[in-house]
Amino acid sequence: MDTVTHVLFGAVCTLAVTRIESAPDKELPMRLAVAGTAAAFPDIDYLSFWIDPLLFLADWHRTATHSLLFMPVWAGLLASPWMFSHWARNQWFTVYALCGLGITSHILLDLLTVFGIRIFYPLSSSLYAIGTSFVIDGIVTILLAAILLYSLRHPGRRAAMSGLLLLSLYLGAQWGLRNHAHRIVAAQLSEASDLHLLPQPFSPFYWQVINRDGDEYRVAYLSLLAKDKAVIDDYRGSAALEWRQESLQGNDNHLAPLIDEAWSQPLFLKFREFARFPALYRLDESTGETCVWFTDLRYTLPYLTPSFRYGMCRHQGKTWGLYRLKRFTHNERQALPTTSQR
């Protein structure tokens, strides 16, 4: 999730484990600062995006800094700078524990999204994801902010713990809504053995529906509240779903060999490993150059240009090169280093 939400969650968790009434007035802000900083820390791996965007997605993001196995090490490193404070030196174990709490709170929130976390890295590269929340969930952010403000105005662990219970009920409701959405869509399909429901922004009642059949997909956007169109027109009630076809090879059989050739290039290995629902984004042909672009349907919204668009381009008579289309642009592209194939 976003950094603000992580910091708020780390702060609320701190209040839930802190006996505020018995702590000196100046100690509570320090505790919140320590845990909040630690809660934001794991996303420092975003800096590696500027080294290699594709390796960042496939190998670096949500690995070492999001690992429960590395958490004690990061907690120790994060606790060290606070030792300039007399309070921190006297409460060194408390500072260390708060750093561990902040990092753990970050991992718990990120587990809710569809990106996935390698929580047992480096012993295991398996991705774990609950997949009930979008990466930016305004309701979770507002709820945490309200819990934090109320808990500060009403000192005591009970307020923060009650707030976390309320948050848990909301997250549980998201899980229930996803299962409900899955049932009502599956009832309409003759074959829904590989049906996936992905959370969407703005509302827990919005879901992206992907029905997969090999390299072919049927995609729709569901609103659990609307009968026909929702407030955002692209989302429809279950009886009015508009399905579109997506495919890894596209819809033109004559172009399939070219698309397969681009997709199978060794340089494209990391995108193949990253994408869970890979689909052809578009094919560009200009004088002497061909570019084949792919995206991952996990990160497509009906009203925005997809965030992750990677592809292979080649000039006539030359070898394929690895590129990405920059975010929020239509044609602006960036050549990627060949290290992405490792």
C-alpha atoms as a PDB file:
ATOM      1  CA  MET A   1       0.000   0.000   0.000  1.00  0.00           C
ATOM      2  CA  ASP A   2       1.007   3.655  -0.112  1.00  0.00           C
ATOM      3  CA  THR A   3       3.491   5.175   2.328  1.00  0.00           C
ATOM      4  CA  VAL A   4       0.965   7.325   4.205  1.00  0.00           C
ATOM      5  CA  THR A   5      -1.197   4.295   4.987  1.00  0.00           C
ATOM      6  CA  HIS A   6       1.830   2.316   6.151  1.00  0.00           C
ATOM      7  CA  VAL A   7       2.928   5.107   8.508  1.00  0.00           C
ATOM      8  CA  LEU A   8      -0.590   5.470   9.931  1.00  0.00           C
ATOM      9  CA  PHE A   9      -0.887   1.735  10.511  1.00  0.00           C
ATOM     10  CA  GLY A  10       2.505   1.587  12.204  1.00  0.00           C
ATOM     11  CA  ALA A  11       1.487   4.465  14.494  1.00  0.00           C
ATOM     12  CA  VAL A  12      -1.854   2.878  15.407  1.00  0.00           C
ATOM     13  CA  CYS A  13      -0.154  -0.445  16.158  1.00  0.00           C
ATOM     14  CA  THR A  14       2.260   1.443  18.414  1.00  0.00           C
ATOM     15  CA  LEU A  15      -0.598   3.006  20.357  1.00  0.00           C
ATOM     16  CA  ALA A  16      -2.193  -0.412  20.707  1.00  0.00           C
ATOM     17  CA  VAL A  17       0.865  -1.802  22.500  1.00  0.00           C
ATOM     18  CA  THR A  18       1.837   1.329  24.468  1.00  0.00           C
ATOM     19  CA  ARG A  19       0.574   2.143  27.932  1.00  0.00           C
ATOM     20  CA  ILE A  20       0.298   5.860  27.219  1.00  0.00           C
ATOM     21  CA  GLU A  21      -0.905   6.821  30.673  1.00  0.00           C
ATOM     22  CA  SER A  22       2.282   5.493  32.254  1.00  0.00           C
ATOM     23  CA  ALA A  23       4.702   6.934  29.670  1.00  0.00           C
ATOM     24  CA  PRO A  24       6.296  10.391  29.942  1.00  0.00           C
ATOM     25  CA  ASP A  25       4.709  13.061  27.718  1.00  0.00           C
ATOM     26  CA  LYS A  26       7.781  13.305  25.486  1.00  0.00           C
ATOM     27  CA  GLU A  27       8.088   9.560  25.039  1.00  0.00           C
ATOM     28  CA  LEU A  28       4.947   8.967  22.985  1.00  0.00           C
ATOM     29  CA  PRO A  29       5.975  11.200  20.032  1.00  0.00           C
ATOM     30  CA  MET A  30       9.323   9.411  19.958  1.00  0.00           C
ATOM     31  CA  ARG A  31       7.655   6.006  19.908  1.00  0.00           C
ATOM     32  CA  LEU A  32       5.350   7.084  17.078  1.00  0.00           C
ATOM     33  CA  ALA A  33       8.264   8.528  15.102  1.00  0.00           C
ATOM     34  CA  VAL A  34      10.323   5.343  15.496  1.00  0.00           C
ATOM     35  CA  ALA A  35       7.521   2.989  14.474  1.00  0.00           C
ATOM     36  CA  GLY A  36       6.242   5.260  11.702  1.00  0.00           C
ATOM     37  CA  THR A  37       9.683   5.536  10.121  1.00  0.00           C
ATOM     38  CA  ALA A  38      10.164   1.786  10.321  1.00  0.00           C
ATOM     39  CA  ALA A  39       6.720   1.227   8.784  1.00  0.00           C
ATOM     40  CA  ALA A  40       7.735   3.278   5.744  1.00  0.00           C
ATOM     41  CA  PHE A  41      11.185   1.700   5.425  1.00  0.00           C
ATOM     42  CA  PRO A  42      10.493  -1.523   3.428  1.00  0.00           C
ATOM     43  CA  ASP A  43       9.506   0.474   0.343  1.00  0.00           C
ATOM     44  CA  ILE A  44      13.032   1.860   0.162  1.00  0.00           C
ATOM     45  CA  ASP A  45      13.453  -0.873  -2.430  1.00  0.00           C
ATOM     46  CA  TYR A  46      11.709   1.525  -4.849  1.00  0.00           C
ATOM     47  CA  LEU A  47      15.105   3.146  -5.295  1.00  0.00           C
ATOM     48  CA  SER A  48      16.152   0.103  -7.300  1.00  0.00           C
ATOM     49  CA  PHE A  49      13.540   1.022  -9.922  1.00  0.00           C
ATOM     50  CA  TRP A  50      15.968   3.622 -11.262  1.00  0.00           C
ATOM     51  CA  ILE A  51      18.639   0.941 -11.731  1.00  0.00           C
ATOM     52  CA  ASP A  52      16.509  -1.470 -13.731  1.00  0.00           C
ATOM     53  CA  PRO A  53      12.679  -1.134 -13.797  1.00  0.00           C
ATOM     54  CA  LEU A  54      12.063  -4.704 -14.923  1.00  0.00           C
ATOM     55  CA  LEU A  55      14.400  -6.370 -12.438  1.00  0.00           C
ATOM     56  CA  PHE A  56      12.769  -4.169  -9.789  1.00  0.00           C
ATOM     57  CA  LEU A  57       9.364  -5.656 -10.610  1.00  0.00           C
ATOM     58  CA  ALA A  58      10.474  -9.246 -11.079  1.00  0.00           C
ATOM     59  CA  ASP A  59      13.228  -9.740  -8.501  1.00  0.00           C
ATOM     60  CA  TRP A  60      13.828  -6.792  -6.185  1.00  0.00           C
ATOM     61  CA  HIS A  61      10.503  -5.311  -5.077  1.00  0.00           C
ATOM     62  CA  ARG A  62       8.949  -6.821  -1.950  1.00  0.00           C
ATOM     63  CA  THR A  63      11.765  -9.269  -1.352  1.00  0.00           C
ATOM     64  CA  ALA A  64      14.606  -8.567   1.099  1.00  0.00           C
ATOM     65  CA  THR A  65      13.064  -5.475   2.696  1.00  0.00           C
ATOM     66  CA  HIS A  66       9.697  -7.238   3.035  1.00  0.00           C
ATOM     67  CA  SER A  67      11.034 -10.518   4.390  1.00  0.00           C
ATOM     68  CA  LEU A  68      10.117 -11.676   7.875  1.00  0.00           C
ATOM     69  CA  LEU A  69      13.473 -13.446   8.014  1.00  0.00           C
ATOM     70  CA  PHE A  70      15.360 -10.181   7.433  1.00  0.00           C
ATOM     71  CA  MET A  71      13.089  -8.152   9.704  1.00  0.00           C
ATOM     72  CA  PRO A  72      15.288  -8.502  12.835  1.00  0.00           C
ATOM     73  CA  VAL A  73      18.302  -7.263  10.862  1.00  0.00           C
ATOM     74  CA  TRP A  74      16.463  -4.244   9.435  1.00  0.00           C
ATOM     75  CA  ALA A  75      15.053  -3.461  12.881  1.00  0.00           C
ATOM     76  CA  GLY A  76      18.565  -3.339  14.308  1.00  0.00           C
ATOM     77  CA  LEU A  77      19.817  -1.082  11.522  1.00  0.00           C
ATOM     78  CA  LEU A  78      16.855   1.277  11.851  1.00  0.00           C
ATOM     79  CA  ALA A  79      17.214   1.445  15.626  1.00  0.00           C
ATOM     80  CA  SER A  80      20.850   2.563  15.409  1.00  0.00           C
ATOM     81  CA  PRO A  81      20.297   6.191  14.246  1.00  0.00           C
ATOM     82  CA  TRP A  82      17.906   6.808  17.134  1.00  0.00           C
ATOM     83  CA  MET A  83      20.668   6.139  19.650  1.00  0.00           C
ATOM     84  CA  PHE A  84      21.665   9.816  19.515  1.00  0.00           C
ATOM     85  CA  SER A  85      18.696  10.330  21.857  1.00  0.00           C
ATOM     86  CA  HIS A  86      19.165   9.856  25.599  1.00  0.00           C
ATOM     87  CA  TRP A  87      15.715   8.284  25.777  1.00  0.00           C
ATOM     88  CA  ALA A  88      16.549   5.778  23.027  1.00  0.00           C
ATOM     89  CA  ARG A  89      19.812   4.774  24.690  1.00  0.00           C
ATOM     90  CA  ASN A  90      17.944   4.083  27.935  1.00  0.00           C
ATOM     91  CA  GLN A  91      15.156   2.269  26.095  1.00  0.00           C
ATOM     92  CA  TRP A  92      17.197   0.554  23.395  1.00  0.00           C
ATOM     93  CA  PHE A  93      15.176  -2.669  23.433  1.00  0.00           C
ATOM     94  CA  THR A  94      11.915  -0.708  23.180  1.00  0.00           C
ATOM     95  CA  VAL A  95      13.298   1.156  20.162  1.00  0.00           C
ATOM     96  CA  TYR A  96      14.371  -2.111  18.561  1.00  0.00           C
ATOM     97  CA  ALA A  97      10.950  -3.673  19.218  1.00  0.00           C
ATOM     98  CA  LEU A  98       9.147  -0.644  17.757  1.00  0.00           C
ATOM     99  CA  CYS A  99      11.263  -0.867  14.613  1.00  0.00           C
ATOM    100  CA  GLY A 100      10.353  -4.533  14.313  1.00  0.00           C
ATOM    101  CA  LEU A 101       6.684  -3.674  14.888  1.00  0.00           C
ATOM    102  CA  GLY A 102       6.739  -1.014  12.176  1.00  0.00           C
ATOM    103  CA  ILE A 103       8.341  -3.301   9.592  1.00  0.00           C
ATOM    104  CA  THR A 104       5.960  -6.145  10.442  1.00  0.00           C
ATOM    105  CA  SER A 105       2.947  -3.829  10.121  1.00  0.00           C
ATOM    106  CA  HIS A 106       4.135  -2.880   6.626  1.00  0.00           C
ATOM    107  CA  ILE A 107       4.407  -6.531   5.599  1.00  0.00           C
ATOM    108  CA  LEU A 108       0.909  -7.296   6.916  1.00  0.00           C
ATOM    109  CA  LEU A 109      -0.673  -4.483   4.903  1.00  0.00           C
ATOM    110  CA  ASP A 110       1.159  -5.399   1.704  1.00  0.00           C
ATOM    111  CA  LEU A 111      -0.050  -8.984   2.006  1.00  0.00           C
ATOM    112  CA  LEU A 112      -3.556  -7.662   1.344  1.00  0.00           C
ATOM    113  CA  THR A 113      -2.699  -6.593  -2.222  1.00  0.00           C
ATOM    114  CA  VAL A 114      -2.365  -8.697  -5.380  1.00  0.00           C
ATOM    115  CA  PHE A 115       1.323  -7.902  -5.995  1.00  0.00           C
ATOM    116  CA  GLY A 116       2.560 -10.559  -3.607  1.00  0.00           C
ATOM    117  CA  ILE A 117       5.426 -10.650  -1.091  1.00  0.00           C
ATOM    118  CA  ARG A 118       8.306 -13.057  -0.684  1.00  0.00           C
ATOM    119  CA  ILE A 119       7.993 -13.112   3.094  1.00  0.00           C
ATOM    120  CA  PHE A 120      10.445 -16.007   3.505  1.00  0.00           C
ATOM    121  CA  TYR A 121      13.103 -14.581   1.180  1.00  0.00           C
ATOM    122  CA  PRO A 122      15.890 -15.714   0.651  1.00  0.00           C
ATOM    123  CA  LEU A 123      14.928 -19.246   1.717  1.00  0.00           C
ATOM    124  CA  SER A 124      11.903 -19.200  -0.577  1.00  0.00           C
ATOM    125  CA  SER A 125      10.931 -17.180  -3.641  1.00  0.00           C
ATOM    126  CA  SER A 126       7.238 -18.029  -3.283  1.00  0.00           C
ATOM    127  CA  LEU A 127       4.897 -15.048  -3.468  1.00  0.00           C
ATOM    128  CA  TYR A 128       2.165 -14.683  -0.848  1.00  0.00           C
ATOM    129  CA  ALA A 129      -0.857 -12.457  -1.460  1.00  0.00           C
ATOM    130  CA  ILE A 130      -4.348 -12.305   0.023  1.00  0.00           C
ATOM    131  CA  GLY A 131      -5.547 -10.057  -2.793  1.00  0.00           C
ATOM    132  CA  THR A 132      -8.516  -8.339  -1.140  1.00  0.00           C
ATOM    133  CA  SER A 133      -7.315  -4.713  -1.209  1.00  0.00           C
ATOM    134  CA  PHE A 134      -6.125  -2.382  -3.941  1.00  0.00           C
ATOM    135  CA  VAL A 135      -2.632  -0.878  -3.549  1.00  0.00           C
ATOM    136  CA  ILE A 136      -4.247   2.457  -2.637  1.00  0.00           C
ATOM    137  CA  ASP A 137      -7.315   2.003  -0.444  1.00  0.00           C
ATOM    138  CA  GLY A 138      -8.774   5.344   0.615  1.00  0.00           C
ATOM    139  CA  ILE A 139     -11.150   3.762   3.112  1.00  0.00           C
ATOM    140  CA  VAL A 140      -8.298   2.027   4.941  1.00  0.00           C
ATOM    141  CA  THR A 141      -6.272   5.270   4.971  1.00  0.00           C
ATOM    142  CA  ILE A 142      -9.158   7.397   6.284  1.00  0.00           C
ATOM    143  CA  LEU A 143     -10.084   4.766   8.849  1.00  0.00           C
ATOM    144  CA  LEU A 144      -6.515   4.590  10.170  1.00  0.00           C
ATOM    145  CA  ALA A 145      -6.243   8.373  10.314  1.00  0.00           C
ATOM    146  CA  ALA A 146      -9.474   8.569  12.297  1.00  0.00           C
ATOM    147  CA  ILE A 147      -8.323   5.810  14.673  1.00  0.00           C
ATOM    148  CA  LEU A 148      -4.998   7.577  15.238  1.00  0.00           C
ATOM    149  CA  LEU A 149      -6.602  10.954  15.983  1.00  0.00           C
ATOM    150  CA  TYR A 150      -9.187   9.446  18.310  1.00  0.00           C
ATOM    151  CA  SER A 151      -6.575   7.400  20.144  1.00  0.00           C
ATOM    152  CA  LEU A 152      -4.391  10.468  20.691  1.00  0.00           C
ATOM    153  CA  ARG A 153      -7.346  12.410  22.095  1.00  0.00           C
ATOM    154  CA  HIS A 154      -8.400   9.491  24.306  1.00  0.00           C
ATOM    155  CA  PRO A 155      -5.174   8.076  25.775  1.00  0.00           C
ATOM    156  CA  GLY A 156      -5.122   4.378  26.462  1.00  0.00           C
ATOM    157  CA  ARG A 157      -4.593   1.213  24.524  1.00  0.00           C
ATOM    158  CA  ARG A 158      -8.304   0.407  24.366  1.00  0.00           C
ATOM    159  CA  ALA A 159      -9.100   3.056  21.766  1.00  0.00           C
ATOM    160  CA  ALA A 160      -6.332   1.904  19.390  1.00  0.00           C
ATOM    161  CA  MET A 161      -7.141  -1.764  19.903  1.00  0.00           C
ATOM    162  CA  SER A 162     -10.824  -1.112  19.246  1.00  0.00           C
ATOM    163  CA  GLY A 163      -9.848   0.766  16.106  1.00  0.00           C
ATOM    164  CA  LEU A 164      -7.739  -2.156  14.894  1.00  0.00           C
ATOM    165  CA  LEU A 165     -10.699  -4.439  15.516  1.00  0.00           C
ATOM    166  CA  LEU A 166     -12.841  -2.140  13.379  1.00  0.00           C
ATOM    167  CA  LEU A 167     -10.188  -2.211  10.656  1.00  0.00           C
ATOM    168  CA  SER A 168     -10.111  -6.016  10.828  1.00  0.00           C
ATOM    169  CA  LEU A 169     -13.887  -6.113  10.359  1.00  0.00           C
ATOM    170  CA  TYR A 170     -13.592  -3.944   7.248  1.00  0.00           C
ATOM    171  CA  LEU A 171     -10.822  -6.126   5.811  1.00  0.00           C
ATOM    172  CA  GLY A 172     -12.888  -9.194   6.601  1.00  0.00           C
ATOM    173  CA  ALA A 173     -15.805  -7.606   4.772  1.00  0.00           C
ATOM    174  CA  GLN A 174     -13.565  -7.150   1.719  1.00  0.00           C
ATOM    175  CA  TRP A 175     -12.774 -10.862   1.824  1.00  0.00           C
ATOM    176  CA  GLY A 176     -16.479 -11.661   2.038  1.00  0.00           C
ATOM    177  CA  LEU A 177     -17.333  -9.319  -0.832  1.00  0.00           C
ATOM    178  CA  ARG A 178     -14.717 -10.941  -3.045  1.00  0.00           C
ATOM    179  CA  ASN A 179     -16.124 -14.399  -2.326  1.00  0.00           C
ATOM    180  CA  HIS A 180     -19.651 -13.114  -2.962  1.00  0.00           C
ATOM    181  CA  ALA A 181     -18.563 -11.561  -6.260  1.00  0.00           C
ATOM    182  CA  HIS A 182     -16.876 -14.812  -7.260  1.00  0.00           C
ATOM    183  CA  ARG A 183     -20.061 -16.800  -6.603  1.00  0.00           C
ATOM    184  CA  ILE A 184     -22.412 -14.561  -8.560  1.00  0.00           C
ATOM    185  CA  VAL A 185     -20.095 -14.346 -11.585  1.00  0.00           C
ATOM    186  CA  ALA A 186     -19.322 -18.082 -11.554  1.00  0.00           C
ATOM    187  CA  ALA A 187     -23.065 -18.797 -11.599  1.00  0.00           C
ATOM    188  CA  GLN A 188     -23.322 -16.998 -14.966  1.00  0.00           C
ATOM    189  CA  LEU A 189     -20.453 -18.834 -16.655  1.00  0.00           C
ATOM    190  CA  SER A 190     -20.594 -22.304 -18.096  1.00  0.00           C
ATOM    191  CA  GLU A 191     -16.922 -22.844 -17.375  1.00  0.00           C
ATOM    192  CA  ALA A 192     -15.335 -20.779 -14.621  1.00  0.00           C
ATOM    193  CA  SER A 193     -12.625 -23.114 -13.385  1.00  0.00           C
ATOM    194  CA  ASP A 194     -10.008 -20.347 -13.554  1.00  0.00           C
ATOM    195  CA  LEU A 195     -11.994 -17.304 -12.413  1.00  0.00           C
ATOM    196  CA  HIS A 196     -10.196 -14.479 -10.602  1.00  0.00           C
ATOM    197  CA  LEU A 197     -11.572 -11.423  -8.778  1.00  0.00           C
ATOM    198  CA  LEU A 198      -9.171  -8.520  -8.296  1.00  0.00           C
ATOM    199  CA  PRO A 199      -9.831  -5.488  -6.045  1.00  0.00           C
ATOM    200  CA  GLN A 200     -10.297  -2.068  -7.581  1.00  0.00           C
ATOM    201  CA  PRO A 201      -9.823   1.478  -6.233  1.00  0.00           C
ATOM    202  CA  PHE A 202     -12.546   3.749  -4.830  1.00  0.00           C
ATOM    203  CA  SER A 203     -14.920   1.094  -3.529  1.00  0.00           C
ATOM    204  CA  PRO A 204     -14.829  -2.407  -1.994  1.00  0.00           C
ATOM    205  CA  PHE A 205     -17.847  -3.155  -4.207  1.00  0.00           C
ATOM    206  CA  TYR A 206     -15.801  -2.794  -7.429  1.00  0.00           C
ATOM    207  CA  TRP A 207     -13.956  -5.841  -8.768  1.00  0.00           C
ATOM    208  CA  GLN A 208     -12.116  -6.770 -11.914  1.00  0.00           C
ATOM    209  CA  VAL A 209     -13.217 -10.163 -13.207  1.00  0.00           C
ATOM    210  CA  ILE A 210     -10.776 -12.316 -15.188  1.00  0.00           C
ATOM    211  CA  ASN A 211     -11.828 -15.665 -16.579  1.00  0.00           C
ATOM    212  CA  ARG A 212      -8.732 -17.381 -17.913  1.00  0.00           C
ATOM    213  CA  ASP A 213      -8.516 -20.106 -20.511  1.00  0.00           C
ATOM    214  CA  GLY A 214      -4.834 -20.753 -21.224  1.00  0.00           C
ATOM    215  CA  ASP A 215      -3.486 -17.619 -22.898  1.00  0.00           C
ATOM    216  CA  GLU A 216      -6.993 -16.273 -23.526  1.00  0.00           C
ATOM    217  CA  TYR A 217      -8.952 -14.090 -21.120  1.00  0.00           C
ATOM    218  CA  ARG A 218     -12.439 -12.707 -20.729  1.00  0.00           C
ATOM    219  CA  VAL A 219     -12.320  -9.526 -18.674  1.00  0.00           C
ATOM    220  CA  ALA A 220     -15.140  -7.501 -17.099  1.00  0.00           C
ATOM    221  CA  TYR A 221     -15.563  -4.877 -14.377  1.00  0.00           C
ATOM    222  CA  LEU A 222     -18.170  -5.662 -11.732  1.00  0.00           C
ATOM    223  CA  SER A 223     -20.109  -3.453  -9.323  1.00  0.00           C
ATOM    224  CA  LEU A 224     -21.863  -5.370  -6.563  1.00  0.00           C
ATOM    225  CA  LEU A 225     -24.282  -2.496  -5.934  1.00  0.00           C
ATOM    226  CA  ALA A 226     -25.337  -1.423  -9.432  1.00  0.00           C
ATOM    227  CA  LYS A 227     -28.040  -3.073 -11.514  1.00  0.00           C
ATOM    228  CA  ASP A 228     -26.758  -1.605 -14.753  1.00  0.00           C
ATOM    229  CA  LYS A 229     -24.035   1.074 -14.747  1.00  0.00           C
ATOM    230  CA  ALA A 230     -22.261   2.123 -11.566  1.00  0.00           C
ATOM    231  CA  VAL A 231     -21.148   5.653 -10.702  1.00  0.00           C
ATOM    232  CA  ILE A 232     -18.049   4.897 -12.759  1.00  0.00           C
ATOM    233  CA  ASP A 233     -19.611   3.758 -16.034  1.00  0.00           C
ATOM    234  CA  ASP A 234     -17.071   1.032 -16.745  1.00  0.00           C
ATOM    235  CA  TYR A 235     -18.331  -0.982 -13.767  1.00  0.00           C
ATOM    236  CA  ARG A 236     -21.587  -2.872 -14.287  1.00  0.00           C
ATOM    237  CA  GLY A 237     -24.013  -4.904 -12.272  1.00  0.00           C
ATOM    238  CA  SER A 238     -23.723  -8.687 -12.468  1.00  0.00           C
ATOM    239  CA  ALA A 239     -26.571  -8.970 -14.981  1.00  0.00           C
ATOM    240  CA  ALA A 240     -25.127  -6.250 -17.234  1.00  0.00           C
ATOM    241  CA  LEU A 241     -21.447  -7.198 -17.374  1.00  0.00           C
ATOM    242  CA  GLU A 242     -19.621  -6.208 -20.536  1.00  0.00           C
ATOM    243  CA  TRP A 243     -16.945  -8.765 -21.347  1.00  0.00           C
ATOM    244  CA  ARG A 244     -13.948  -8.048 -23.529  1.00  0.00           C
ATOM    245  CA  GLN A 245     -11.494 -10.515 -24.964  1.00  0.00           C
ATOM    246  CA  GLU A 246      -7.788 -10.311 -24.177  1.00  0.00           C
ATOM    247  CA  SER A 247      -5.065 -12.615 -25.372  1.00  0.00           C
ATOM    248  CA  LEU A 248      -1.335 -13.124 -25.236  1.00  0.00           C
ATOM    249  CA  GLN A 249      -1.229 -13.585 -29.022  1.00  0.00           C
ATOM    250  CA  GLY A 250      -3.772 -10.925 -29.979  1.00  0.00           C
ATOM    251  CA  ASN A 251      -6.693 -11.370 -32.358  1.00  0.00           C
ATOM    252  CA  ASP A 252      -4.827 -11.556 -35.681  1.00  0.00           C
ATOM    253  CA  ASN A 253      -3.661 -15.098 -36.407  1.00  0.00           C
ATOM    254  CA  HIS A 254      -1.267 -13.847 -39.078  1.00  0.00           C
ATOM    255  CA  LEU A 255       0.662 -11.870 -36.435  1.00  0.00           C
ATOM    256  CA  ALA A 256       0.785 -14.692 -33.891  1.00  0.00           C
ATOM    257  CA  PRO A 257       4.237 -16.004 -34.992  1.00  0.00           C
ATOM    258  CA  LEU A 258       5.733 -12.504 -34.670  1.00  0.00           C
ATOM    259  CA  ILE A 259       4.165 -12.004 -31.248  1.00  0.00           C
ATOM    260  CA  ASP A 260       5.337 -15.423 -30.061  1.00  0.00           C
ATOM    261  CA  GLU A 261       8.844 -14.638 -31.272  1.00  0.00           C
ATOM    262  CA  ALA A 262       8.947 -11.390 -29.284  1.00  0.00           C
ATOM    263  CA  TRP A 263       7.394 -13.008 -26.197  1.00  0.00           C
ATOM    264  CA  SER A 264       9.888 -15.879 -26.129  1.00  0.00           C
ATOM    265  CA  GLN A 265      13.032 -13.734 -26.380  1.00  0.00           C
ATOM    266  CA  PRO A 266      15.608 -14.469 -23.628  1.00  0.00           C
ATOM    267  CA  LEU A 267      15.720 -10.745 -22.822  1.00  0.00           C
ATOM    268  CA  PHE A 268      12.027 -10.913 -21.934  1.00  0.00           C
ATOM    269  CA  LEU A 269      12.444 -13.622 -19.313  1.00  0.00           C
ATOM    270  CA  LYS A 270      11.895 -11.364 -16.313  1.00  0.00           C
ATOM    271  CA  PHE A 271       8.631  -9.994 -17.600  1.00  0.00           C
ATOM    272  CA  ARG A 272       7.434 -13.537 -18.261  1.00  0.00           C
ATOM    273  CA  GLU A 273       8.267 -14.369 -14.644  1.00  0.00           C
ATOM    274  CA  PHE A 274       6.584 -11.224 -13.309  1.00  0.00           C
ATOM    275  CA  ALA A 275       3.300 -11.238 -15.239  1.00  0.00           C
ATOM    276  CA  ARG A 276       0.522 -13.381 -13.813  1.00  0.00           C
ATOM    277  CA  PHE A 277      -2.027 -12.511 -16.526  1.00  0.00           C
ATOM    278  CA  PRO A 278       0.171 -11.489 -19.470  1.00  0.00           C
ATOM    279  CA  ALA A 279      -1.642 -10.051 -22.468  1.00  0.00           C
ATOM    280  CA  LEU A 280      -0.718  -8.288 -25.682  1.00  0.00           C
ATOM    281  CA  TYR A 281      -1.006  -4.534 -25.189  1.00  0.00           C
ATOM    282  CA  ARG A 282      -0.392  -3.473 -28.789  1.00  0.00           C
ATOM    283  CA  LEU A 283       1.833  -4.002 -31.793  1.00  0.00           C
ATOM    284  CA  ASP A 284       3.531  -0.993 -33.400  1.00  0.00           C
ATOM    285  CA  GLU A 285       4.917  -1.156 -36.912  1.00  0.00           C
ATOM    286  CA  SER A 286       6.635   1.784 -38.528  1.00  0.00           C
ATOM    287  CA  THR A 287       9.190   2.169 -41.295  1.00  0.00           C
ATOM    288  CA  GLY A 288      11.848  -0.415 -40.575  1.00  0.00           C
ATOM    289  CA  GLU A 289      10.834  -1.074 -36.953  1.00  0.00           C
ATOM    290  CA  THR A 290       8.477  -3.419 -35.127  1.00  0.00           C
ATOM    291  CA  CYS A 291       7.574  -3.228 -31.426  1.00  0.00           C
ATOM    292  CA  VAL A 292       5.460  -5.788 -29.570  1.00  0.00           C
ATOM    293  CA  TRP A 293       4.158  -4.553 -26.201  1.00  0.00           C
ATOM    294  CA  PHE A 294       2.717  -6.637 -23.364  1.00  0.00           C
ATOM    295  CA  THR A 295       1.038  -5.817 -20.069  1.00  0.00           C
ATOM    296  CA  ASP A 296      -0.229  -7.655 -16.986  1.00  0.00           C
ATOM    297  CA  LEU A 297      -4.004  -7.581 -16.537  1.00  0.00           C
ATOM    298  CA  ARG A 298      -3.572  -7.365 -12.765  1.00  0.00           C
ATOM    299  CA  TYR A 299      -2.646  -3.723 -13.198  1.00  0.00           C
ATOM    300  CA  THR A 300      -5.104  -2.552 -15.831  1.00  0.00           C
ATOM    301  CA  LEU A 301      -7.905  -0.146 -14.955  1.00  0.00           C
ATOM    302  CA  PRO A 302     -10.635   0.703 -17.464  1.00  0.00           C
ATOM    303  CA  TYR A 303     -10.017   4.451 -17.263  1.00  0.00           C
ATOM    304  CA  LEU A 304      -6.191   4.606 -17.049  1.00  0.00           C
ATOM    305  CA  THR A 305      -3.241   3.686 -19.213  1.00  0.00           C
ATOM    306  CA  PRO A 306      -1.694   0.499 -17.756  1.00  0.00           C
ATOM    307  CA  SER A 307       1.276   1.107 -15.457  1.00  0.00           C
ATOM    308  CA  PHE A 308       3.385  -1.823 -16.637  1.00  0.00           C
ATOM    309  CA  ARG A 309       3.944  -2.075 -20.399  1.00  0.00           C
ATOM    310  CA  TYR A 310       7.073  -3.872 -21.516  1.00  0.00           C
ATOM    311  CA  GLY A 311       8.024  -5.090 -24.935  1.00  0.00           C
ATOM    312  CA  MET A 312      10.556  -6.049 -27.559  1.00  0.00           C
ATOM    313  CA  CYS A 313      11.504  -3.848 -30.524  1.00  0.00           C
ATOM    314  CA  ARG A 314      13.714  -4.475 -33.495  1.00  0.00           C
ATOM    315  CA  HIS A 315      14.812  -2.619 -36.592  1.00  0.00           C
ATOM    316  CA  GLN A 316      14.752  -4.459 -39.871  1.00  0.00           C
ATOM    317  CA  GLY A 317      17.634  -6.927 -40.001  1.00  0.00           C
ATOM    318  CA  LYS A 318      18.671  -6.343 -36.374  1.00  0.00           C
ATOM    319  CA  THR A 319      18.134  -8.247 -33.124  1.00  0.00           C
ATOM    320  CA  TRP A 320      15.363  -7.613 -30.611  1.00  0.00           C
ATOM    321  CA  GLY A 321      15.866  -4.976 -27.885  1.00  0.00           C
ATOM    322  CA  LEU A 322      14.110  -4.678 -24.520  1.00  0.00           C
ATOM    323  CA  TYR A 323      12.020  -1.564 -23.763  1.00  0.00           C
ATOM    324  CA  ARG A 324       9.320  -0.190 -21.476  1.00  0.00           C
ATOM    325  CA  LEU A 325       6.663   2.402 -22.148  1.00  0.00           C
ATOM    326  CA  LYS A 326       6.928   5.042 -19.448  1.00  0.00           C
ATOM    327  CA  ARG A 327       4.010   5.514 -17.104  1.00  0.00           C
ATOM    328  CA  PHE A 328       1.278   7.968 -18.087  1.00  0.00           C
ATOM    329  CA  THR A 329       2.640   8.216 -21.642  1.00  0.00           C
ATOM    330  CA  HIS A 330       1.425   6.758 -24.910  1.00  0.00           C
ATOM    331  CA  ASN A 331       4.630   6.356 -26.879  1.00  0.00           C
ATOM    332  CA  GLU A 332       7.529   7.531 -24.709  1.00  0.00           C
ATOM    333  CA  ARG A 333       9.770   4.541 -24.233  1.00  0.00           C
ATOM    334  CA  GLN A 334      12.928   3.631 -22.353  1.00  0.00           C
ATOM    335  CA  ALA A 335      15.558   1.133 -23.420  1.00  0.00           C
ATOM    336  CA  LEU A 336      16.329  -1.330 -20.633  1.00  0.00           C
ATOM    337  CA  PRO A 337      19.699  -2.880 -19.766  1.00  0.00           C
ATOM    338  CA  THR A 338      20.373  -6.393 -20.950  1.00  0.00           C
ATOM    339  CA  THR A 339      20.930  -7.442 -17.326  1.00  0.00           C
ATOM    340  CA  SER A 340      17.147  -7.911 -17.136  1.00  0.00           C
ATOM    341  CA  GLN A 341      17.504 -11.347 -18.689  1.00  0.00           C
ATOM    342  CA  ARG A 342      19.417 -12.760 -15.736  1.00  0.00           C
END
